[in-house]
Each structure stands twice: as structure tokens, then as C-alpha cells.
């Protein structure tokens, strides 16, 4: 991950050029304000899903279920589905 200072002299084309190969954190007045990252064709859809309130809530609920012990191991799932591990 690369860090770049964002100010009146920062050129957008330079930021985009750097972000073609790695995430770029833009810093203004010593604080991070944005991230510019490379995207493949299907990345935008995943990014929208990952930032949706519903997805974030589902992750929080799953973590809570694990905390309460309301989960099974991978091996138990395979056995329940009748799949043999190779």
C-alpha cells in the first residue's frame, strides 16, 4: 500500500497511475482521507456488496453466532452433507 499526499498540487492522473498496481492512501493534513485502488472487471460489484449495510450486518451476526457457539466445524459440515474429505 502506497501513501500519497493530497493537496492542490496533486495530479489525479498521477494518483490513478500509481493505483493501477497497488492501493494508494491519500493523506491530507497528516490524516488519511481516501483510498484509490486497482479494480478488475468484477471488483466493483464485490466492492458494492462488501460495503452494503446488509452485508456488514450479516458478518456481525455470523461473528456473534460463533461467539455463542452456534456453529459447526468444517468437518462436521462435510459429514452432514455426506461429503468425504480428500
PDB file of N, CA and C in Angstrom:
ATOM      1  N   UNK A   1       0.851  -1.166   0.000  1.00  0.00           N
ATOM      2  CA  UNK A   1       0.000   0.000   0.000  1.00  0.00           C
ATOM      3  C   UNK A   1       0.897   1.230   0.000  1.00  0.00           C
ATOM      4  N   UNK A   2       0.589   2.124  -0.892  1.00  0.00           N
ATOM      5  CA  UNK A   2       1.381   3.337  -1.040  1.00  0.00           C
ATOM      6  C   UNK A   2       0.620   4.519  -0.440  1.00  0.00           C
ATOM      7  N   UNK A   3       1.342   5.495   0.064  1.00  0.00           N
ATOM      8  CA  UNK A   3       0.734   6.703   0.616  1.00  0.00           C
ATOM      9  C   UNK A   3       1.150   7.899  -0.228  1.00  0.00           C
ATOM     10  N   UNK A   4       0.179   8.746  -0.538  1.00  0.00           N
ATOM     11  CA  UNK A   4       0.459   9.976  -1.280  1.00  0.00           C
ATOM     12  C   UNK A   4      -0.228  11.138  -0.570  1.00  0.00           C
ATOM     13  N   UNK A   5       0.419  12.288  -0.601  1.00  0.00           N
ATOM     14  CA  UNK A   5      -0.182  13.491  -0.026  1.00  0.00           C
ATOM     15  C   UNK A   5      -1.157  14.084  -1.022  1.00  0.00           C
ATOM     16  N   UNK A   6      -2.356  14.440  -0.535  1.00  0.00           N
ATOM     17  CA  UNK A   6      -3.381  15.062  -1.378  1.00  0.00           C
ATOM     18  C   UNK A   6      -3.431  16.548  -1.053  1.00  0.00           C
ATOM     19  N   UNK A   7      -3.122  17.385  -2.056  1.00  0.00           N
ATOM     20  CA  UNK A   7      -3.213  18.836  -1.893  1.00  0.00           C
ATOM     21  C   UNK A   7      -3.507  19.460  -3.251  1.00  0.00           C
ATOM     22  N   UNK A   8      -3.485  20.764  -3.311  1.00  0.00           N
ATOM     23  CA  UNK A   8      -3.846  21.468  -4.542  1.00  0.00           C
ATOM     24  C   UNK A   8      -2.924  21.115  -5.709  1.00  0.00           C
ATOM     25  N   UNK A   9      -1.701  20.690  -5.414  1.00  0.00           N
ATOM     26  CA  UNK A   9      -0.750  20.366  -6.481  1.00  0.00           C
ATOM     27  C   UNK A   9      -0.817  18.898  -6.927  1.00  0.00           C
ATOM     28  N   UNK A  10      -1.536  18.070  -6.202  1.00  0.00           N
ATOM     29  CA  UNK A  10      -1.598  16.651  -6.543  1.00  0.00           C
ATOM     30  C   UNK A  10      -2.373  16.464  -7.842  1.00  0.00           C
ATOM     31  N   UNK A  11      -1.781  15.726  -8.745  1.00  0.00           N
ATOM     32  CA  UNK A  11      -2.425  15.466 -10.026  1.00  0.00           C
ATOM     33  C   UNK A  11      -3.177  14.147  -9.959  1.00  0.00           C
ATOM     34  N   UNK A  12      -4.424  14.195 -10.370  1.00  0.00           N
ATOM     35  CA  UNK A  12      -5.255  12.980 -10.355  1.00  0.00           C
ATOM     36  C   UNK A  12      -4.675  11.884 -11.226  1.00  0.00           C
ATOM     37  N   UNK A  13      -4.131  12.253 -12.379  1.00  0.00           N
ATOM     38  CA  UNK A  13      -3.586  11.225 -13.265  1.00  0.00           C
ATOM     39  C   UNK A  13      -2.402  10.495 -12.630  1.00  0.00           C
ATOM     40  N   UNK A  14      -1.633  11.182 -11.775  1.00  0.00           N
ATOM     41  CA  UNK A  14      -0.528  10.526 -11.076  1.00  0.00           C
ATOM     42  C   UNK A  14      -1.066   9.524 -10.057  1.00  0.00           C
ATOM     43  N   UNK A  15      -2.123   9.910  -9.344  1.00  0.00           N
ATOM     44  CA  UNK A  15      -2.734   9.013  -8.361  1.00  0.00           C
ATOM     45  C   UNK A  15      -3.280   7.775  -9.059  1.00  0.00           C
ATOM     46  N   UNK A  16      -4.005   7.975 -10.150  1.00  0.00           N
ATOM     47  CA  UNK A  16      -4.581   6.854 -10.886  1.00  0.00           C
ATOM     48  C   UNK A  16      -3.475   5.956 -11.437  1.00  0.00           C
ATOM     49  N   UNK A  17      -2.416   6.543 -11.932  1.00  0.00           N
ATOM     50  CA  UNK A  17      -1.294   5.751 -12.451  1.00  0.00           C
ATOM     51  C   UNK A  17      -0.711   4.868 -11.342  1.00  0.00           C
ATOM     52  N   UNK A  18      -0.490   5.427 -10.178  1.00  0.00           N
ATOM     53  CA  UNK A  18       0.056   4.653  -9.056  1.00  0.00           C
ATOM     54  C   UNK A  18      -0.921   3.566  -8.604  1.00  0.00           C
ATOM     55  N   UNK A  19      -2.224   3.841  -8.684  1.00  0.00           N
ATOM     56  CA  UNK A  19      -3.247   2.907  -8.203  1.00  0.00           C
ATOM     57  C   UNK A  19      -3.519   1.767  -9.185  1.00  0.00           C
ATOM     58  N   UNK A  20      -2.881   1.755 -10.313  1.00  0.00           N
ATOM     59  CA  UNK A  20      -3.083   0.650 -11.261  1.00  0.00           C
ATOM     60  C   UNK A  20      -2.487  -0.656 -10.735  1.00  0.00           C
ATOM     61  N   UNK A  21      -1.496  -0.554  -9.843  1.00  0.00           N
ATOM     62  CA  UNK A  21      -0.812  -1.758  -9.369  1.00  0.00           C
ATOM     63  C   UNK A  21      -0.934  -1.995  -7.863  1.00  0.00           C
ATOM     64  N   UNK A  22      -1.339  -0.971  -7.093  1.00  0.00           N
ATOM     65  CA  UNK A  22      -1.472  -1.146  -5.647  1.00  0.00           C
ATOM     66  C   UNK A  22      -2.396  -0.078  -5.074  1.00  0.00           C
ATOM     67  N   UNK A  23      -2.916  -0.356  -3.877  1.00  0.00           N
ATOM     68  CA  UNK A  23      -3.771   0.614  -3.204  1.00  0.00           C
ATOM     69  C   UNK A  23      -2.958   1.862  -2.872  1.00  0.00           C
ATOM     70  N   UNK A  24      -3.598   3.028  -3.024  1.00  0.00           N
ATOM     71  CA  UNK A  24      -2.957   4.296  -2.696  1.00  0.00           C
ATOM     72  C   UNK A  24      -3.818   5.003  -1.653  1.00  0.00           C
ATOM     73  N   UNK A  25      -3.228   5.290  -0.497  1.00  0.00           N
ATOM     74  CA  UNK A  25      -3.917   6.036   0.547  1.00  0.00           C
ATOM     75  C   UNK A  25      -3.568   7.499   0.355  1.00  0.00           C
ATOM     76  N   UNK A  26      -4.602   8.325   0.220  1.00  0.00           N
ATOM     77  CA  UNK A  26      -4.395   9.759   0.085  1.00  0.00           C
ATOM     78  C   UNK A  26      -4.452  10.392   1.472  1.00  0.00           C
ATOM     79  N   UNK A  27      -3.433  11.178   1.782  1.00  0.00           N
ATOM     80  CA  UNK A  27      -3.309  11.798   3.094  1.00  0.00           C
ATOM     81  C   UNK A  27      -3.369  13.314   2.926  1.00  0.00           C
ATOM     82  N   UNK A  28      -4.199  13.944   3.747  1.00  0.00           N
ATOM     83  CA  UNK A  28      -4.329  15.400   3.719  1.00  0.00           C
ATOM     84  C   UNK A  28      -4.181  15.910   5.149  1.00  0.00           C
ATOM     85  N   UNK A  29      -3.283  16.848   5.346  1.00  0.00           N
ATOM     86  CA  UNK A  29      -3.005  17.392   6.671  1.00  0.00           C
ATOM     87  C   UNK A  29      -2.666  16.288   7.676  1.00  0.00           C
ATOM     88  N   UNK A  30      -1.911  15.290   7.212  1.00  0.00           N
ATOM     89  CA  UNK A  30      -1.466  14.217   8.076  1.00  0.00           C
ATOM     90  C   UNK A  30      -2.495  13.142   8.378  1.00  0.00           C
ATOM     91  N   UNK A  31      -3.692  13.235   7.788  1.00  0.00           N
ATOM     92  CA  UNK A  31      -4.753  12.255   8.054  1.00  0.00           C
ATOM     93  C   UNK A  31      -5.176  11.564   6.762  1.00  0.00           C
ATOM     94  N   UNK A  32      -5.414  10.249   6.808  1.00  0.00           N
ATOM     95  CA  UNK A  32      -5.909   9.567   5.605  1.00  0.00           C
ATOM     96  C   UNK A  32      -7.325  10.031   5.281  1.00  0.00           C
ATOM     97  N   UNK A  33      -7.575  10.331   4.008  1.00  0.00           N
ATOM     98  CA  UNK A  33      -8.894  10.811   3.593  1.00  0.00           C
ATOM     99  C   UNK A  33      -9.557   9.946   2.528  1.00  0.00           C
ATOM    100  N   UNK A  34      -8.774   9.120   1.828  1.00  0.00           N
ATOM    101  CA  UNK A  34      -9.350   8.295   0.763  1.00  0.00           C
ATOM    102  C   UNK A  34      -8.365   7.199   0.379  1.00  0.00           C
ATOM    103  N   UNK A  35      -8.914   6.171  -0.264  1.00  0.00           N
ATOM    104  CA  UNK A  35      -8.092   5.106  -0.825  1.00  0.00           C
ATOM    105  C   UNK A  35      -8.481   4.970  -2.292  1.00  0.00           C
ATOM    106  N   UNK A  36      -7.492   4.900  -3.143  1.00  0.00           N
ATOM    107  CA  UNK A  36      -7.706   4.634  -4.562  1.00  0.00           C
ATOM    108  C   UNK A  36      -7.062   3.279  -4.810  1.00  0.00           C
ATOM    109  N   UNK A  37      -7.836   2.363  -5.409  1.00  0.00           N
ATOM    110  CA  UNK A  37      -7.330   1.003  -5.579  1.00  0.00           C
ATOM    111  C   UNK A  37      -7.566   0.499  -6.991  1.00  0.00           C
ATOM    112  N   UNK A  38      -6.730  -0.451  -7.425  1.00  0.00           N
ATOM    113  CA  UNK A  38      -6.948  -1.034  -8.744  1.00  0.00           C
ATOM    114  C   UNK A  38      -8.206  -1.905  -8.728  1.00  0.00           C
ATOM    115  N   UNK A  39      -8.920  -1.909  -9.829  1.00  0.00           N
ATOM    116  CA  UNK A  39     -10.137  -2.714  -9.944  1.00  0.00           C
ATOM    117  C   UNK A  39     -10.094  -3.560 -11.207  1.00  0.00           C
ATOM    118  N   UNK A  40     -10.482  -4.807 -11.060  1.00  0.00           N
ATOM    119  CA  UNK A  40     -10.704  -5.676 -12.205  1.00  0.00           C
ATOM    120  C   UNK A  40     -12.179  -5.536 -12.585  1.00  0.00           C
ATOM    121  N   UNK A  41     -12.595  -6.190 -13.658  1.00  0.00           N
ATOM    122  CA  UNK A  41     -13.964  -6.053 -14.149  1.00  0.00           C
ATOM    123  C   UNK A  41     -15.023  -6.385 -13.098  1.00  0.00           C
ATOM    124  N   UNK A  42     -14.818  -7.465 -12.329  1.00  0.00           N
ATOM    125  CA  UNK A  42     -15.852  -7.871 -11.370  1.00  0.00           C
ATOM    126  C   UNK A  42     -15.632  -7.310  -9.967  1.00  0.00           C
ATOM    127  N   UNK A  43     -14.580  -6.529  -9.746  1.00  0.00           N
ATOM    128  CA  UNK A  43     -14.298  -5.976  -8.421  1.00  0.00           C
ATOM    129  C   UNK A  43     -15.331  -4.960  -7.963  1.00  0.00           C
ATOM    130  N   UNK A  44     -15.876  -4.179  -8.874  1.00  0.00           N
ATOM    131  CA  UNK A  44     -16.814  -3.124  -8.487  1.00  0.00           C
ATOM    132  C   UNK A  44     -18.058  -3.714  -7.837  1.00  0.00           C
ATOM    133  N   UNK A  45     -18.587  -4.801  -8.401  1.00  0.00           N
ATOM    134  CA  UNK A  45     -19.762  -5.442  -7.818  1.00  0.00           C
ATOM    135  C   UNK A  45     -19.455  -5.948  -6.404  1.00  0.00           C
ATOM    136  N   UNK A  46     -18.295  -6.592  -6.231  1.00  0.00           N
ATOM    137  CA  UNK A  46     -17.911  -7.079  -4.906  1.00  0.00           C
ATOM    138  C   UNK A  46     -17.723  -5.926  -3.930  1.00  0.00           C
ATOM    139  N   UNK A  47     -17.143  -4.838  -4.384  1.00  0.00           N
ATOM    140  CA  UNK A  47     -16.941  -3.672  -3.520  1.00  0.00           C
ATOM    141  C   UNK A  47     -18.280  -3.132  -3.032  1.00  0.00           C
ATOM    142  N   UNK A  48     -19.262  -3.060  -3.920  1.00  0.00           N
ATOM    143  CA  UNK A  48     -20.589  -2.588  -3.535  1.00  0.00           C
ATOM    144  C   UNK A  48     -21.229  -3.521  -2.511  1.00  0.00           C
ATOM    145  N   UNK A  49     -21.071  -4.816  -2.706  1.00  0.00           N
ATOM    146  CA  UNK A  49     -21.630  -5.795  -1.772  1.00  0.00           C
ATOM    147  C   UNK A  49     -20.952  -5.669  -0.411  1.00  0.00           C
ATOM    148  N   UNK A  50     -19.631  -5.620  -0.404  1.00  0.00           N
ATOM    149  CA  UNK A  50     -18.877  -5.570   0.847  1.00  0.00           C
ATOM    150  C   UNK A  50     -19.180  -4.324   1.671  1.00  0.00           C
ATOM    151  N   UNK A  51     -19.575  -3.250   1.039  1.00  0.00           N
ATOM    152  CA  UNK A  51     -19.855  -2.002   1.766  1.00  0.00           C
ATOM    153  C   UNK A  51     -21.337  -1.818   2.086  1.00  0.00           C
ATOM    154  N   UNK A  52     -22.167  -2.769   1.681  1.00  0.00           N
ATOM    155  CA  UNK A  52     -23.599  -2.631   1.932  1.00  0.00           C
ATOM    156  C   UNK A  52     -23.904  -2.886   3.402  1.00  0.00           C
ATOM    157  N   UNK A  53     -24.830  -2.137   3.981  1.00  0.00           N
ATOM    158  CA  UNK A  53     -25.194  -2.341   5.392  1.00  0.00           C
ATOM    159  C   UNK A  53     -25.672  -3.758   5.675  1.00  0.00           C
ATOM    160  N   UNK A  54     -26.367  -4.372   4.727  1.00  0.00           N
ATOM    161  CA  UNK A  54     -26.855  -5.732   4.925  1.00  0.00           C
ATOM    162  C   UNK A  54     -25.706  -6.727   5.049  1.00  0.00           C
ATOM    163  N   UNK A  55     -24.695  -6.578   4.207  1.00  0.00           N
ATOM    164  CA  UNK A  55     -23.552  -7.483   4.258  1.00  0.00           C
ATOM    165  C   UNK A  55     -22.782  -7.300   5.565  1.00  0.00           C
ATOM    166  N   UNK A  56     -22.551  -6.048   5.944  1.00  0.00           N
ATOM    167  CA  UNK A  56     -21.835  -5.768   7.187  1.00  0.00           C
ATOM    168  C   UNK A  56     -22.599  -6.329   8.375  1.00  0.00           C
ATOM    169  N   UNK A  57     -23.926  -6.199   8.374  1.00  0.00           N
ATOM    170  CA  UNK A  57     -24.748  -6.758   9.455  1.00  0.00           C
ATOM    171  C   UNK A  57     -24.670  -8.278   9.468  1.00  0.00           C
ATOM    172  N   UNK A  58     -24.636  -8.912   8.297  1.00  0.00           N
ATOM    173  CA  UNK A  58     -24.562 -10.372   8.255  1.00  0.00           C
ATOM    174  C   UNK A  58     -23.233 -10.868   8.814  1.00  0.00           C
ATOM    175  N   UNK A  59     -22.162 -10.156   8.577  1.00  0.00           N
ATOM    176  CA  UNK A  59     -20.861 -10.529   9.134  1.00  0.00           C
ATOM    177  C   UNK A  59     -20.885 -10.379  10.653  1.00  0.00           C
ATOM    178  N   UNK A  60     -21.463  -9.292  11.144  1.00  0.00           N
ATOM    179  CA  UNK A  60     -21.568  -9.087  12.592  1.00  0.00           C
ATOM    180  C   UNK A  60     -22.397 -10.197  13.232  1.00  0.00           C
ATOM    181  N   UNK A  61     -23.490 -10.587  12.602  1.00  0.00           N
ATOM    182  CA  UNK A  61     -24.338 -11.657  13.129  1.00  0.00           C
ATOM    183  C   UNK A  61     -23.589 -12.990  13.125  1.00  0.00           C
ATOM    184  N   UNK A  62     -22.849 -13.267  12.063  1.00  0.00           N
ATOM    185  CA  UNK A  62     -22.080 -14.512  11.998  1.00  0.00           C
ATOM    186  C   UNK A  62     -21.032 -14.556  13.108  1.00  0.00           C
ATOM    187  N   UNK A  63     -20.380 -13.450  13.359  1.00  0.00           N
ATOM    188  CA  UNK A  63     -19.385 -13.402  14.441  1.00  0.00           C
ATOM    189  C   UNK A  63     -20.054 -13.640  15.794  1.00  0.00           C
ATOM    190  N   UNK A  64     -21.234 -13.090  15.968  1.00  0.00           N
ATOM    191  CA  UNK A  64     -21.978 -13.291  17.215  1.00  0.00           C
ATOM    192  C   UNK A  64     -22.384 -14.757  17.360  1.00  0.00           C
ATOM    193  N   UNK A  65     -22.799 -15.385  16.279  1.00  0.00           N
ATOM    194  CA  UNK A  65     -23.156 -16.806  16.321  1.00  0.00           C
ATOM    195  C   UNK A  65     -21.948 -17.660  16.709  1.00  0.00           C
ATOM    196  N   UNK A  66     -20.797 -17.337  16.189  1.00  0.00           N
ATOM    197  CA  UNK A  66     -19.578 -18.063  16.544  1.00  0.00           C
ATOM    198  C   UNK A  66     -19.270 -17.852  18.023  1.00  0.00           C
ATOM    199  N   UNK A  67     -19.403 -16.620  18.485  1.00  0.00           N
ATOM    200  CA  UNK A  67     -19.145 -16.317  19.892  1.00  0.00           C
ATOM    201  C   UNK A  67     -20.058 -17.136  20.801  1.00  0.00           C
ATOM    202  N   UNK A  68     -21.324 -17.320  20.384  1.00  0.00           N
ATOM    203  CA  UNK A  68     -22.285 -18.079  21.182  1.00  0.00           C
ATOM    204  C   UNK A  68     -22.142 -19.591  20.987  1.00  0.00           C
ATOM    205  N   UNK A  69     -21.236 -20.007  20.110  1.00  0.00           N
ATOM    206  CA  UNK A  69     -21.032 -21.427  19.861  1.00  0.00           C
ATOM    207  C   UNK A  69     -22.073 -22.038  18.951  1.00  0.00           C
ATOM    208  N   UNK A  70     -22.785 -21.222  18.197  1.00  0.00           N
ATOM    209  CA  UNK A  70     -23.836 -21.696  17.293  1.00  0.00           C
ATOM    210  C   UNK A  70     -23.264 -21.963  15.900  1.00  0.00           C
ATOM    211  N   UNK A  71     -22.272 -22.818  15.852  1.00  0.00           N
ATOM    212  CA  UNK A  71     -21.651 -23.128  14.569  1.00  0.00           C
ATOM    213  C   UNK A  71     -21.120 -24.555  14.609  1.00  0.00           C
ATOM    214  N   UNK A  72     -20.747 -25.053  13.440  1.00  0.00           N
ATOM    215  CA  UNK A  72     -20.163 -26.389  13.356  1.00  0.00           C
ATOM    216  C   UNK A  72     -18.825 -26.276  12.641  1.00  0.00           C
ATOM    217  N   UNK A  73     -17.999 -27.294  12.813  1.00  0.00           N
ATOM    218  CA  UNK A  73     -16.702 -27.293  12.148  1.00  0.00           C
ATOM    219  C   UNK A  73     -16.872 -27.648  10.673  1.00  0.00           C
ATOM    220  N   UNK A  74     -15.837 -27.410   9.917  1.00  0.00           N
ATOM    221  CA  UNK A  74     -15.829 -27.751   8.505  1.00  0.00           C
ATOM    222  C   UNK A  74     -16.049 -29.257   8.326  1.00  0.00           C
ATOM    223  N   UNK A  75     -15.381 -30.028   9.167  1.00  0.00           N
ATOM    224  CA  UNK A  75     -15.520 -31.489   9.095  1.00  0.00           C
ATOM    225  C   UNK A  75     -16.960 -31.916   9.392  1.00  0.00           C
ATOM    226  N   UNK A  76     -17.599 -31.276  10.375  1.00  0.00           N
ATOM    227  CA  UNK A  76     -18.992 -31.596  10.703  1.00  0.00           C
ATOM    228  C   UNK A  76     -19.923 -31.250   9.539  1.00  0.00           C
ATOM    229  N   UNK A  77     -19.661 -30.145   8.886  1.00  0.00           N
ATOM    230  CA  UNK A  77     -20.471 -29.754   7.734  1.00  0.00           C
ATOM    231  C   UNK A  77     -20.344 -30.777   6.614  1.00  0.00           C
ATOM    232  N   UNK A  78     -19.116 -31.185   6.320  1.00  0.00           N
ATOM    233  CA  UNK A  78     -18.910 -32.189   5.272  1.00  0.00           C
ATOM    234  C   UNK A  78     -19.640 -33.474   5.602  1.00  0.00           C
ATOM    235  N   UNK A  79     -19.556 -33.914   6.871  1.00  0.00           N
ATOM    236  CA  UNK A  79     -20.250 -35.147   7.282  1.00  0.00           C
ATOM    237  C   UNK A  79     -21.738 -34.991   7.149  1.00  0.00           C
ATOM    238  N   UNK A  80     -22.266 -33.831   7.548  1.00  0.00           N
ATOM    239  CA  UNK A  80     -23.710 -33.584   7.451  1.00  0.00           C
ATOM    240  C   UNK A  80     -24.183 -33.606   6.009  1.00  0.00           C
ATOM    241  N   UNK A  81     -23.350 -33.137   5.103  1.00  0.00           N
ATOM    242  CA  UNK A  81     -23.697 -33.112   3.680  1.00  0.00           C
ATOM    243  C   UNK A  81     -23.362 -34.421   2.981  1.00  0.00           C
ATOM    244  N   UNK A  82     -22.726 -35.351   3.703  1.00  0.00           N
ATOM    245  CA  UNK A  82     -22.352 -36.627   3.114  1.00  0.00           C
ATOM    246  C   UNK A  82     -21.194 -36.538   2.142  1.00  0.00           C
ATOM    247  N   UNK A  83     -20.327 -35.589   2.388  1.00  0.00           N
ATOM    248  CA  UNK A  83     -19.148 -35.391   1.517  1.00  0.00           C
ATOM    249  C   UNK A  83     -17.921 -35.896   2.264  1.00  0.00           C
ATOM    250  N   UNK A  84     -17.138 -36.686   1.587  1.00  0.00           N
ATOM    251  CA  UNK A  84     -15.907 -37.167   2.212  1.00  0.00           C
ATOM    252  C   UNK A  84     -14.754 -36.234   1.855  1.00  0.00           C
ATOM    253  N   UNK A  85     -13.986 -35.884   2.866  1.00  0.00           N
ATOM    254  CA  UNK A  85     -12.827 -35.017   2.642  1.00  0.00           C
ATOM    255  C   UNK A  85     -11.723 -35.812   1.966  1.00  0.00           C
ATOM    256  N   UNK A  86     -11.080 -35.200   1.006  1.00  0.00           N
ATOM    257  CA  UNK A  86      -9.989 -35.884   0.294  1.00  0.00           C
ATOM    258  C   UNK A  86      -8.661 -35.372   0.730  1.00  0.00           C
TER     259      UNK A  86
END
